[in-house]
Protein backbone atom coordinates (compact mmCIF):
# COMPACT_ATOMS: atom_id res chain seq x y z
CA MET A 1 0.00 -0.01 -0.04
CA PRO A 2 1.58 3.56 -0.83
CA LYS A 3 2.92 5.53 1.99
CA THR A 4 0.05 8.51 2.37
CA ILE A 5 -0.26 11.90 4.05
CA HIS A 6 -1.88 10.65 6.66
CA LEU A 7 0.04 7.90 8.13
CA ARG A 8 3.71 7.96 9.93
CA SER A 9 5.61 4.94 11.47
CA LEU A 10 7.86 5.49 14.60
CA GLN A 11 9.24 2.00 13.48
CA GLN A 12 10.92 3.60 10.32
CA LYS A 13 11.71 7.28 12.09
CA PRO A 14 15.90 7.44 14.44
CA ALA A 15 15.64 8.29 17.55
CA THR A 16 15.48 12.07 17.51
CA PHE A 17 18.19 11.70 21.24
CA ALA A 18 19.75 8.22 22.40
CA ASN A 19 21.56 7.41 24.50
CA SER A 20 22.42 4.51 26.96
CA SER A 21 19.77 6.11 29.32
CA GLY A 22 17.08 6.27 26.69
CA ALA A 23 15.80 7.77 23.35
CA ILE A 24 13.37 10.57 22.05
CA THR A 25 11.33 9.92 18.79
CA ARG A 26 9.88 12.81 18.12
CA ILE A 27 6.86 13.07 15.04
CA GLU A 28 6.30 16.73 14.01
CA VAL A 29 5.50 18.80 11.10
CA SER A 30 8.55 19.02 10.20
CA ASP A 31 8.26 14.94 9.50
CA PHE A 32 4.60 14.70 9.35
CA PRO A 33 3.12 17.66 6.77
CA VAL A 34 -0.08 17.21 7.60
CA LEU A 35 0.20 18.00 11.44
CA LYS A 36 -2.28 20.57 12.61
CA GLY A 37 -2.52 21.83 16.44
CA LEU A 38 -0.90 17.99 17.44
CA SER A 39 2.43 16.44 17.77
CA LEU A 40 4.26 13.23 19.34
CA ARG A 41 7.08 11.52 21.20
CA ARG A 42 8.38 8.18 22.36
CA LEU A 43 9.93 8.49 25.48
CA LEU A 44 11.79 5.74 26.78
CA LEU A 45 14.24 5.57 29.76
CA SER A 46 16.24 3.05 30.96
CA PRO A 47 16.32 1.88 34.61
CA ARG A 48 18.10 5.55 36.61
CA GLY A 49 17.42 7.33 33.25
CA VAL A 50 16.11 10.67 33.53
CA ARG A 51 14.35 13.40 31.23
CA GLU A 52 15.71 16.92 32.90
CA PRO A 53 14.04 19.40 33.73
CA HIS A 54 12.70 21.24 31.01
CA TRP A 55 9.24 22.73 29.71
CA HIS A 56 7.39 23.82 26.60
CA ALA A 57 7.16 27.42 25.77
CA ASN A 58 4.26 26.53 22.77
CA ALA A 59 2.43 23.39 24.35
CA HIS A 60 0.77 21.26 26.47
CA GLU A 61 1.88 18.14 27.17
CA LEU A 62 -0.54 14.74 28.03
CA GLY A 63 1.22 11.78 28.82
CA TYR A 64 0.10 7.96 28.47
CA CYS A 65 2.53 4.93 29.95
CA LEU A 66 2.89 2.04 28.27
CA ARG A 67 5.32 0.01 30.77
CA GLY A 68 7.32 1.10 33.84
CA GLU A 69 7.47 3.17 36.66
CA HIS A 70 8.27 6.30 36.71
CA LEU A 71 8.85 9.34 38.69
CA VAL A 72 7.09 13.18 37.48
CA THR A 73 7.67 15.93 39.47
CA MET A 74 5.84 19.37 37.81
CA ALA A 75 7.27 23.06 38.89
CA ARG A 76 4.28 25.49 38.31
CA SER A 77 3.99 29.37 38.45
CA HIS A 78 3.80 30.89 42.25
CA SER A 79 6.58 28.42 43.59
CA GLN A 80 3.57 24.81 43.00
CA ARG A 81 4.48 21.55 43.51
CA ASP A 82 3.60 18.51 42.07
CA SER A 83 5.16 14.86 42.26
CA PHE A 84 3.60 11.90 41.92
CA THR A 85 4.36 8.04 40.32
CA ILE A 86 3.07 7.25 36.99
CA SER A 87 2.42 3.56 35.55
CA GLY A 88 1.18 1.79 33.22
CA GLY A 89 -2.33 2.81 31.92
CA GLN A 90 -1.48 5.91 33.83
CA MET A 91 -1.66 9.29 32.07
CA PHE A 92 -0.33 12.75 33.60
CA PHE A 93 -0.83 16.63 31.77
CA VAL A 94 1.41 19.23 32.47
CA PRO A 95 0.47 23.00 31.64
CA SER A 96 2.62 24.47 28.84
CA GLY A 97 5.75 26.35 30.66
CA ALA A 98 5.76 24.46 33.27
CA LEU A 99 8.96 23.14 34.17
CA HIS A 100 9.26 19.19 35.07
CA HIS A 101 10.85 15.96 34.46
CA ILE A 102 10.58 12.15 34.55
CA GLU A 103 12.25 9.87 35.76
CA ASN A 104 12.47 5.86 35.44
CA VAL A 105 12.21 4.36 39.64
CA GLY A 106 12.11 1.02 38.39
CA GLU A 107 14.05 -1.57 37.34
CA GLN A 108 12.61 -2.37 33.46
CA GLU A 109 12.84 0.31 30.68
CA GLY A 110 9.61 2.39 31.19
CA GLU A 111 8.27 3.15 27.65
CA MET A 112 5.43 6.53 27.36
CA ILE A 113 3.74 8.00 24.57
CA LEU A 114 3.76 11.69 24.91
CA ALA A 115 1.16 14.41 22.94
CA PHE A 116 1.18 18.55 22.31
CA SER A 117 -1.10 20.51 21.79
CA CYS A 118 1.16 22.13 18.71
CA GLU A 119 3.03 20.28 15.81
CA GLN A 120 6.20 21.97 16.23
CA VAL A 121 7.01 22.04 20.15
CA GLU A 122 9.29 24.80 21.69
CA ASP A 123 11.65 23.01 24.46
CA PHE A 124 13.92 24.55 26.80
CA GLY A 125 15.99 22.43 28.97
CA LEU A 126 17.31 23.28 32.70
CA SER A 127 20.89 22.25 31.53
CA GLY A 128 20.71 24.48 28.34
CA THR A 129 18.89 27.34 30.58
CA PHE A 130 22.12 27.75 32.94
CA GLY A 131 24.93 27.12 30.13
CA ALA A 132 23.08 30.27 28.93
CA PHE A 133 24.08 32.55 31.85
CA THR A 134 26.96 33.61 33.42
CA ASP A 135 28.51 32.01 37.08
CA ALA A 136 27.99 35.36 38.77
CA VAL A 137 23.64 35.99 37.69
CA LEU A 138 22.99 31.98 38.60
CA GLY A 139 24.65 33.13 41.92
CA ASN A 140 22.81 35.91 42.41
CA THR A 141 19.75 34.20 41.37
CA LEU A 142 20.31 30.95 43.88
CA GLY A 143 21.90 32.87 46.48
CA VAL A 144 25.62 31.30 46.16
CA PRO A 145 28.91 32.34 45.12
CA ALA A 146 29.60 32.74 41.48
CA ASP A 147 32.89 30.28 41.33
CA GLU A 148 30.80 27.68 43.00
CA MET A 149 28.35 27.50 39.95
CA ALA A 150 31.64 27.32 38.12
CA SER A 151 32.06 23.35 39.16
CA LEU A 152 28.59 22.56 37.03
CA SER A 153 29.38 21.32 33.00
CA ARG A 154 27.16 23.39 31.52
CA SER A 155 26.24 24.13 27.25
CA LEU A 156 23.43 25.84 25.72
CA GLU A 157 22.87 22.02 24.06
CA ASN A 158 20.57 20.44 26.92
CA THR A 159 21.23 17.42 28.31
CA LEU A 160 18.00 15.90 27.73
CA ILE A 161 18.23 12.70 29.22
CA GLY A 162 20.63 11.81 32.04
CA THR A 163 21.51 9.15 34.11
CA ARG A 164 21.50 9.33 38.19
CA ALA A 165 24.33 8.12 40.09
CA ALA A 166 22.06 5.60 42.78
CA ALA A 167 18.29 4.23 42.32
CA ALA A 168 15.69 6.47 43.24
CA ILE A 169 13.93 5.56 46.00
CA PRO A 170 10.07 7.29 45.91
CA GLN A 171 9.39 9.69 49.27
CA GLY A 172 5.64 8.40 49.54
CA GLN A 173 4.66 10.49 45.40
CA GLU A 174 3.00 7.01 44.94
CA LEU A 175 0.18 7.76 48.12
CA PHE A 176 -0.76 11.69 47.40
CA SER A 177 -3.51 12.34 44.58
CA SER A 178 -2.65 15.12 42.07
CA PRO A 179 -4.90 16.76 39.60
CA PHE A 180 -2.22 15.78 37.17
CA LYS A 181 -2.19 12.57 36.88
CA TYR A 182 -5.15 10.49 35.96
CA ASP A 183 -5.43 6.33 36.15
CA LEU A 184 -7.70 5.63 33.84
CA GLU A 185 -6.83 2.39 32.57
CA ALA A 186 -8.43 1.90 35.94
CA ALA A 187 -11.35 3.62 35.43
CA ALA A 188 -14.47 1.78 34.33
CA PRO A 189 -15.46 2.82 30.18
CA PRO A 190 -17.87 5.25 29.98
CA ILE A 191 -17.87 3.42 26.67
CA ALA A 192 -18.01 0.25 25.67
CA THR A 193 -20.44 -2.58 23.33
CA ALA A 194 -19.75 -5.51 21.87
CA GLY A 195 -17.62 -4.21 19.49
CA GLY A 196 -15.19 -2.40 21.59
CA SER A 197 -15.07 -0.01 23.76
CA ALA A 198 -13.22 3.65 24.97
CA HIS A 199 -11.47 4.30 28.17
CA THR A 200 -12.01 8.53 28.05
CA ALA A 201 -9.48 11.31 29.49
CA GLN A 202 -11.15 14.21 28.75
CA ALA A 203 -12.54 17.29 30.71
CA THR A 204 -15.97 15.90 31.57
CA SER A 205 -13.50 13.13 33.69
CA TRP A 206 -10.32 15.40 34.52
CA PRO A 207 -11.11 18.82 34.48
CA ILE A 208 -7.33 20.05 34.26
CA LEU A 209 -7.06 19.25 30.83
CA ARG A 210 -6.85 22.14 28.94
CA GLU A 211 -6.13 21.61 24.40
CA LEU A 212 -5.59 18.18 24.70
CA SER A 213 -7.62 15.03 25.31
CA MET A 214 -7.62 11.12 24.65
CA PHE A 215 -9.12 7.74 24.30
CA SER A 216 -7.99 4.65 24.76
CA LEU A 217 -9.48 2.73 21.89
CA ARG A 218 -10.63 -1.08 21.65
CA ILE A 219 -11.89 -2.98 19.08
CA SER A 220 -12.58 -6.27 19.15
CA ASP A 221 -11.90 -8.49 16.28
CA GLN A 222 -15.80 -8.11 15.10
CA GLY A 223 -16.05 -4.17 15.77
CA MET A 224 -15.72 -1.16 14.12
CA ARG A 225 -15.57 2.41 15.00
CA GLU A 226 -17.90 3.73 12.71
CA LEU A 227 -17.76 6.55 10.26
CA HIS A 228 -17.82 10.08 12.21
CA TRP A 229 -16.64 13.07 12.62
CA HIS A 230 -14.90 15.72 15.21
CA PRO A 231 -16.43 19.14 14.79
CA GLU A 232 -13.58 21.73 15.17
CA THR A 233 -11.68 18.83 16.87
CA ALA A 234 -8.45 17.45 14.99
CA GLU A 235 -7.73 14.11 16.31
CA MET A 236 -3.77 11.96 16.21
CA GLY A 237 -3.70 8.17 17.21
CA TYR A 238 -1.04 5.79 18.17
CA VAL A 239 -1.66 1.71 17.59
CA THR A 240 0.06 0.16 19.89
CA ALA A 241 -1.46 -2.93 19.17
CA GLY A 242 -3.47 -4.73 16.59
CA HIS A 243 -4.15 -4.69 12.80
CA ASP A 244 -6.52 -1.86 11.22
CA ARG A 245 -8.04 -0.29 8.04
CA MET A 246 -8.38 3.37 7.74
CA SER A 247 -10.42 5.51 5.78
CA ILE A 248 -10.41 9.58 5.35
CA LEU A 249 -12.10 11.63 3.05
CA SER A 250 -10.68 15.06 1.93
CA PRO A 251 -12.03 17.57 0.39
CA GLY A 252 -12.52 17.62 -3.57
CA ALA A 253 -13.58 14.21 -2.87
CA SER A 254 -10.56 12.89 -2.31
CA LEU A 255 -9.84 9.36 0.13
CA ASP A 256 -7.74 7.98 1.11
CA THR A 257 -7.35 4.14 2.88
CA TYR A 258 -4.15 2.70 4.45
CA GLU A 259 -3.78 -0.06 6.37
CA MET A 260 -2.05 0.40 10.40
CA LYS A 261 -0.14 -1.76 12.55
CA ALA A 262 1.58 -1.18 15.83
CA ASP A 263 4.00 1.82 16.34
CA ASP A 264 1.70 3.33 12.99
CA MET A 265 0.20 7.04 13.89
CA TYR A 266 -2.31 8.80 11.60
CA PHE A 267 -3.89 12.23 11.75
CA VAL A 268 -7.34 13.37 10.40
CA PRO A 269 -7.95 17.30 10.58
CA ARG A 270 -10.56 18.68 12.13
CA ALA A 271 -14.26 17.90 11.36
CA TYR A 272 -12.60 15.16 8.39
CA PRO A 273 -15.24 12.09 7.51
CA HIS A 274 -13.15 8.41 8.76
CA HIS A 275 -13.49 5.53 10.44
CA ILE A 276 -11.45 2.50 12.13
CA GLU A 277 -11.63 -0.94 11.11
CA ASN A 278 -9.98 -4.14 12.59
CA VAL A 279 -8.96 -6.01 9.70
CA ALA A 280 -7.09 -8.98 11.57
CA GLY A 281 -7.60 -11.59 14.95
CA GLY A 282 -6.95 -10.24 18.51
CA GLU A 283 -7.77 -6.84 19.37
CA LEU A 284 -7.17 -3.28 18.35
CA ALA A 285 -5.25 -0.69 20.37
CA ILE A 286 -5.23 2.44 19.80
CA LEU A 287 -4.52 6.23 22.19
CA VAL A 288 -6.65 8.75 19.94
CA PHE A 289 -4.99 12.30 21.28
CA PHE A 290 -7.67 15.13 20.20
CA ASP A 291 -7.17 19.21 20.05
CA GLN A 292 -9.95 19.96 22.62
CA SER A 293 -10.39 19.38 26.38
CA GLN A 294 -13.91 17.76 25.39
CA PRO A 295 -14.12 16.26 21.51
CA ALA A 296 -16.66 16.76 19.28
CA ASP A 297 -17.84 13.92 17.94
CA ILE A 298 -20.70 13.32 15.12
CA GLY A 299 -21.10 8.97 14.73
CA GLY A 300 -22.67 7.43 11.12
CA ARG A 301 -25.18 5.45 12.95
CA SER A 302 -27.52 8.08 14.34
CA LEU A 303 -27.16 10.35 11.29
CA ALA A 304 -30.19 8.50 9.61
CA SER A 305 -32.68 8.96 12.09
CA ALA A 306 -31.82 12.79 12.22
CA PHE A 307 -33.22 13.15 8.97
CA SER A 308 -36.85 12.56 7.33
CA ARG A 309 -36.72 9.40 5.22
CA GLU A 310 -37.77 11.42 2.26
CA VAL A 311 -35.02 13.89 2.43
CA LEU A 312 -32.51 11.01 2.80
CA ALA A 313 -34.53 9.74 -0.52
CA ALA A 314 -34.06 12.82 -2.25
CA THR A 315 -30.27 13.04 -0.86
CA PHE A 316 -29.31 9.61 -2.78
CA GLN A 317 -31.42 10.10 -5.40
CA ILE A 318 -33.76 7.26 -4.45
CA ASP A 319 -37.41 6.11 -4.31
CA PRO A 320 -38.14 6.15 -0.75
CA ALA A 321 -39.64 2.84 -0.59
CA LYS A 322 -36.02 1.54 -1.48
CA LEU A 323 -34.10 2.98 1.49
CA PRO A 324 -32.87 0.55 3.90
CA LYS A 325 -34.96 0.20 7.33
CA PHE A 326 -32.61 1.87 9.16
CA PRO A 327 -32.78 1.49 12.84
CA PHE A 328 -33.52 4.56 15.12
CA THR A 329 -30.96 5.19 17.28
CA ALA A 330 -31.06 8.56 19.49
CA GLU A 331 -27.58 7.63 20.46
CA ASP A 332 -24.23 7.00 18.99
CA PRO A 333 -22.78 4.23 20.02
CA LEU A 334 -19.45 5.21 18.35
CA ILE A 335 -18.37 1.51 18.30
CA VAL A 336 -20.57 -0.53 16.20
CA SER A 337 -20.66 -4.46 15.63
CA ARG A 338 -19.32 -5.60 12.05
CA ILE A 339 -22.56 -7.28 10.77
CA ASN A 340 -20.81 -7.85 7.41
CA PRO A 341 -17.66 -9.23 6.29
CA VAL A 342 -14.31 -6.66 5.82
CA ASP A 343 -14.09 -5.56 2.59
CA ARG A 344 -11.90 -7.91 0.35
CA THR A 345 -10.79 -4.27 -1.77
CA ALA A 346 -10.53 -1.05 -0.12
CA ARG A 347 -11.69 1.86 -1.75
CA ASN A 348 -8.98 4.61 -2.61
CA SER A 349 -9.47 7.79 -4.74
CA GLY A 350 -5.95 7.70 -5.89
CA ASP A 351 -6.11 11.28 -6.66
CA GLY A 352 -3.08 13.02 -4.74
CA ASN A 353 -3.59 11.45 -1.47
CA SER A 354 0.08 9.52 -1.72
CA GLU A 355 3.27 10.41 -1.91
């Protein structure tokens, strides 16, 4: 299948930064030109690996832990501080400009998927920031003699990922709740049908969110995320398991259909109609990020109930008596059961949607 403008693979993207303590892989607009208002990174941390204290000048951050045990500490305006542990299935949110760090406090490699509310994120690290100012300026700021600052290894280039001299021992942070932490997979999924389920991190359940939200989507081998679109809401997904087919319709009757597997990511511009279908055995799992804290959604199942049969007949240029007997749907299910077999051949306009 040809490479499409809506799909990228993290497997084929070399790490942006890597050392013995971890790696960062970035997918931004320079790598994926269709991105707008969203971007994605994968963070790997070895035991004792530390993502240095840093902040994002133009983007909020929403993180999901795939595996491992981590400690997140955040310094916010007016000397506010938050510190908490994050493990598999849990999430955290960092407001734009907040200084924060992530470290692996477990015995196994940790992995996180990080979404940002901008297609090209501006980063500042604590190491590079200290490297920009003189010993005297830093000494005055921190209340120590200037010559004591000379012992720090400093550069305008950020450390990005460092290594602790000894294993971290969390000081009870796991015992405290934080409005910036959300145990997503432990919560009951608000969307659950025979075709699959979705755990949702959005403003109704996690009020701290701004300009970002996420659905942890699971689709069974007999399920499908129905034809739908999101008004005023862009969508970016990362496949963690399974094999699926997706179609996106763009203006000008341009249809893009492709298949995805683990480590693939996709982007859907605001209000573009699309669907996601599990086309293989086993469960399909996708982390679906949105550029709104409360994503809008219009689903295809309920559309037939929104308009009269006469309007639908005129739309499809058919005798009203020949219209299918669509079931009445008051509330859209989002995930539907696949009562028809998977199409053997996918539709694709082939008129400019491939590179």
